[in-house]
Amino acid sequence: MEATRQQKIARLIQKDLSDIFLQYTRRFHGVLISVSEVRISPDLSIAHVYLSIFPTDRQTEIMQVVEEEHGKIRGEMGNLERHQLRIIPELNFHLDETMDKMERIDNLLKQG
């Protein structure tokens, strides 16, 4: 069970990263990047960020760009949260495949 502080910081990071990825959406025309979930470690030093990317055929390309610009994204987040967090957590980005799994299950159910 996550502590209340962890949950609050996770929501703050999710909101700020959503704003940052909105700028990326403008850069990659026709691509939607959303932050589906943020999980933060108990010591608040590492944040696991789960991204949903549409269309799915560009997920690999977009994740590669996100990983390349990891430091820049963390810096932008640090600027947004510098008055609220003493230490900006390290960001680990993961692809959220929940929607893909739901779609596969739905297709299997329709076939059966």
C-alpha atoms as a PDB file:
ATOM      1  CA  MET A   1       0.000   0.000   0.000  1.00  0.00           C
ATOM      2  CA  GLU A   2       1.441   3.341  -1.028  1.00  0.00           C
ATOM      3  CA  ALA A   3       1.671   6.088   1.523  1.00  0.00           C
ATOM      4  CA  THR A   4      -0.428   9.206   1.105  1.00  0.00           C
ATOM      5  CA  ARG A   5       2.669  11.282   0.378  1.00  0.00           C
ATOM      6  CA  GLN A   6       3.704   8.899  -2.396  1.00  0.00           C
ATOM      7  CA  GLN A   7       0.255   9.119  -3.949  1.00  0.00           C
ATOM      8  CA  LYS A   8       0.224  12.922  -3.845  1.00  0.00           C
ATOM      9  CA  ILE A   9       3.659  13.179  -5.423  1.00  0.00           C
ATOM     10  CA  ALA A  10       2.733  10.585  -8.060  1.00  0.00           C
ATOM     11  CA  ARG A  11      -0.351  12.648  -9.006  1.00  0.00           C
ATOM     12  CA  LEU A  12       1.732  15.836  -9.146  1.00  0.00           C
ATOM     13  CA  ILE A  13       4.313  14.177 -11.404  1.00  0.00           C
ATOM     14  CA  GLN A  14       1.565  12.714 -13.600  1.00  0.00           C
ATOM     15  CA  LYS A  15      -0.045  16.141 -14.056  1.00  0.00           C
ATOM     16  CA  ASP A  16       3.223  17.913 -14.832  1.00  0.00           C
ATOM     17  CA  LEU A  17       4.434  15.224 -17.212  1.00  0.00           C
ATOM     18  CA  SER A  18       1.074  15.308 -18.983  1.00  0.00           C
ATOM     19  CA  ASP A  19       1.625  19.015 -19.630  1.00  0.00           C
ATOM     20  CA  ILE A  20       5.157  18.332 -20.893  1.00  0.00           C
ATOM     21  CA  PHE A  21       3.991  15.534 -23.217  1.00  0.00           C
ATOM     22  CA  LEU A  22       1.288  17.818 -24.585  1.00  0.00           C
ATOM     23  CA  GLN A  23       4.156  19.795 -26.133  1.00  0.00           C
ATOM     24  CA  TYR A  24       5.522  16.553 -27.604  1.00  0.00           C
ATOM     25  CA  THR A  25       2.109  15.857 -29.097  1.00  0.00           C
ATOM     26  CA  ARG A  26       2.392  19.109 -31.009  1.00  0.00           C
ATOM     27  CA  ARG A  27       5.864  18.139 -32.212  1.00  0.00           C
ATOM     28  CA  PHE A  28       4.778  14.714 -33.486  1.00  0.00           C
ATOM     29  CA  HIS A  29       1.726  15.483 -35.582  1.00  0.00           C
ATOM     30  CA  GLY A  30      -1.000  12.896 -35.237  1.00  0.00           C
ATOM     31  CA  VAL A  31       0.445  11.257 -32.115  1.00  0.00           C
ATOM     32  CA  LEU A  32      -1.189  11.273 -28.689  1.00  0.00           C
ATOM     33  CA  ILE A  33       1.029  10.689 -25.648  1.00  0.00           C
ATOM     34  CA  SER A  34      -0.688  10.334 -22.297  1.00  0.00           C
ATOM     35  CA  VAL A  35       0.664   9.506 -18.855  1.00  0.00           C
ATOM     36  CA  SER A  36      -1.535   6.647 -17.704  1.00  0.00           C
ATOM     37  CA  GLU A  37       0.110   6.003 -14.337  1.00  0.00           C
ATOM     38  CA  VAL A  38       3.017   7.057 -12.134  1.00  0.00           C
ATOM     39  CA  ARG A  39       4.388   4.844  -9.372  1.00  0.00           C
ATOM     40  CA  ILE A  40       6.956   6.341  -7.028  1.00  0.00           C
ATOM     41  CA  SER A  41       9.392   4.492  -4.783  1.00  0.00           C
ATOM     42  CA  PRO A  42       8.968   4.737  -0.988  1.00  0.00           C
ATOM     43  CA  ASP A  43      12.053   6.964  -0.713  1.00  0.00           C
ATOM     44  CA  LEU A  44      10.622   9.247  -3.452  1.00  0.00           C
ATOM     45  CA  SER A  45      13.783   8.934  -5.557  1.00  0.00           C
ATOM     46  CA  ILE A  46      12.471   6.921  -8.517  1.00  0.00           C
ATOM     47  CA  ALA A  47       9.271   7.410 -10.486  1.00  0.00           C
ATOM     48  CA  HIS A  48       8.050   4.744 -12.886  1.00  0.00           C
ATOM     49  CA  VAL A  49       6.062   6.534 -15.574  1.00  0.00           C
ATOM     50  CA  TYR A  50       3.692   4.546 -17.795  1.00  0.00           C
ATOM     51  CA  LEU A  51       2.931   6.104 -21.177  1.00  0.00           C
ATOM     52  CA  SER A  52       0.098   5.335 -23.579  1.00  0.00           C
ATOM     53  CA  ILE A  53       0.954   6.234 -27.155  1.00  0.00           C
ATOM     54  CA  PHE A  54      -1.504   6.362 -30.041  1.00  0.00           C
ATOM     55  CA  PRO A  55      -1.316   5.349 -32.842  1.00  0.00           C
ATOM     56  CA  THR A  56       0.260   2.132 -31.661  1.00  0.00           C
ATOM     57  CA  ASP A  57       2.374   1.686 -34.790  1.00  0.00           C
ATOM     58  CA  ARG A  58       4.562   4.646 -33.701  1.00  0.00           C
ATOM     59  CA  GLN A  59       5.074   3.508 -30.086  1.00  0.00           C
ATOM     60  CA  THR A  60       8.638   2.295 -30.608  1.00  0.00           C
ATOM     61  CA  GLU A  61       9.678   5.504 -32.361  1.00  0.00           C
ATOM     62  CA  ILE A  62       8.141   7.762 -29.713  1.00  0.00           C
ATOM     63  CA  MET A  63       9.541   5.739 -26.779  1.00  0.00           C
ATOM     64  CA  GLN A  64      13.003   5.986 -28.349  1.00  0.00           C
ATOM     65  CA  VAL A  65      12.685   9.799 -28.544  1.00  0.00           C
ATOM     66  CA  VAL A  66      11.421   9.938 -24.936  1.00  0.00           C
ATOM     67  CA  GLU A  67      14.413   7.882 -23.752  1.00  0.00           C
ATOM     68  CA  GLU A  68      16.835  10.076 -25.729  1.00  0.00           C
ATOM     69  CA  GLU A  69      15.346  13.246 -24.223  1.00  0.00           C
ATOM     70  CA  HIS A  70      15.018  11.773 -20.725  1.00  0.00           C
ATOM     71  CA  GLY A  71      17.286  14.412 -19.149  1.00  0.00           C
ATOM     72  CA  LYS A  72      15.478  17.282 -20.839  1.00  0.00           C
ATOM     73  CA  ILE A  73      12.084  15.976 -19.699  1.00  0.00           C
ATOM     74  CA  ARG A  74      13.340  15.575 -16.111  1.00  0.00           C
ATOM     75  CA  GLY A  75      14.737  19.127 -16.251  1.00  0.00           C
ATOM     76  CA  GLU A  76      11.422  20.542 -17.432  1.00  0.00           C
ATOM     77  CA  MET A  77       9.628  18.646 -14.688  1.00  0.00           C
ATOM     78  CA  GLY A  78      12.153  19.981 -12.172  1.00  0.00           C
ATOM     79  CA  ASN A  79      11.367  23.529 -13.252  1.00  0.00           C
ATOM     80  CA  LEU A  80       7.656  22.917 -12.705  1.00  0.00           C
ATOM     81  CA  GLU A  81       8.081  21.224  -9.310  1.00  0.00           C
ATOM     82  CA  ARG A  82      11.079  23.015  -7.811  1.00  0.00           C
ATOM     83  CA  HIS A  83       8.965  24.683  -5.117  1.00  0.00           C
ATOM     84  CA  GLN A  84       7.105  21.515  -4.185  1.00  0.00           C
ATOM     85  CA  LEU A  85       9.782  18.812  -4.168  1.00  0.00           C
ATOM     86  CA  ARG A  86      13.186  18.951  -2.587  1.00  0.00           C
ATOM     87  CA  ILE A  87      14.598  16.206  -4.829  1.00  0.00           C
ATOM     88  CA  ILE A  88      13.323  15.573  -8.352  1.00  0.00           C
ATOM     89  CA  PRO A  89      12.947  11.793  -8.761  1.00  0.00           C
ATOM     90  CA  GLU A  90      14.714   9.834 -11.464  1.00  0.00           C
ATOM     91  CA  LEU A  91      12.238   8.992 -14.232  1.00  0.00           C
ATOM     92  CA  ASN A  92      11.899   5.489 -15.665  1.00  0.00           C
ATOM     93  CA  PHE A  93       9.599   5.413 -18.678  1.00  0.00           C
ATOM     94  CA  HIS A  94       7.578   2.329 -19.560  1.00  0.00           C
ATOM     95  CA  LEU A  95       5.114   1.658 -22.330  1.00  0.00           C
ATOM     96  CA  ASP A  96       1.619   1.044 -20.948  1.00  0.00           C
ATOM     97  CA  GLU A  97       0.261  -1.889 -22.909  1.00  0.00           C
ATOM     98  CA  THR A  98      -3.069  -2.119 -21.096  1.00  0.00           C
ATOM     99  CA  MET A  99      -5.073  -0.855 -24.067  1.00  0.00           C
ATOM    100  CA  ASP A 100      -3.310  -3.277 -26.443  1.00  0.00           C
ATOM    101  CA  LYS A 101      -4.094  -6.185 -24.130  1.00  0.00           C
ATOM    102  CA  MET A 102      -7.731  -5.097 -23.828  1.00  0.00           C
ATOM    103  CA  GLU A 103      -8.027  -4.881 -27.611  1.00  0.00           C
ATOM    104  CA  ARG A 104      -6.504  -8.369 -28.064  1.00  0.00           C
ATOM    105  CA  ILE A 105      -8.892  -9.834 -25.482  1.00  0.00           C
ATOM    106  CA  ASP A 106     -11.829  -8.098 -27.128  1.00  0.00           C
ATOM    107  CA  ASN A 107     -10.837  -9.501 -30.537  1.00  0.00           C
ATOM    108  CA  LEU A 108     -10.465 -12.993 -29.076  1.00  0.00           C
ATOM    109  CA  LEU A 109     -13.915 -12.774 -27.503  1.00  0.00           C
ATOM    110  CA  LYS A 110     -15.441 -11.665 -30.797  1.00  0.00           C
ATOM    111  CA  GLN A 111     -13.839 -14.608 -32.614  1.00  0.00           C
ATOM    112  CA  GLY A 112     -14.949 -17.172 -30.044  1.00  0.00           C
END
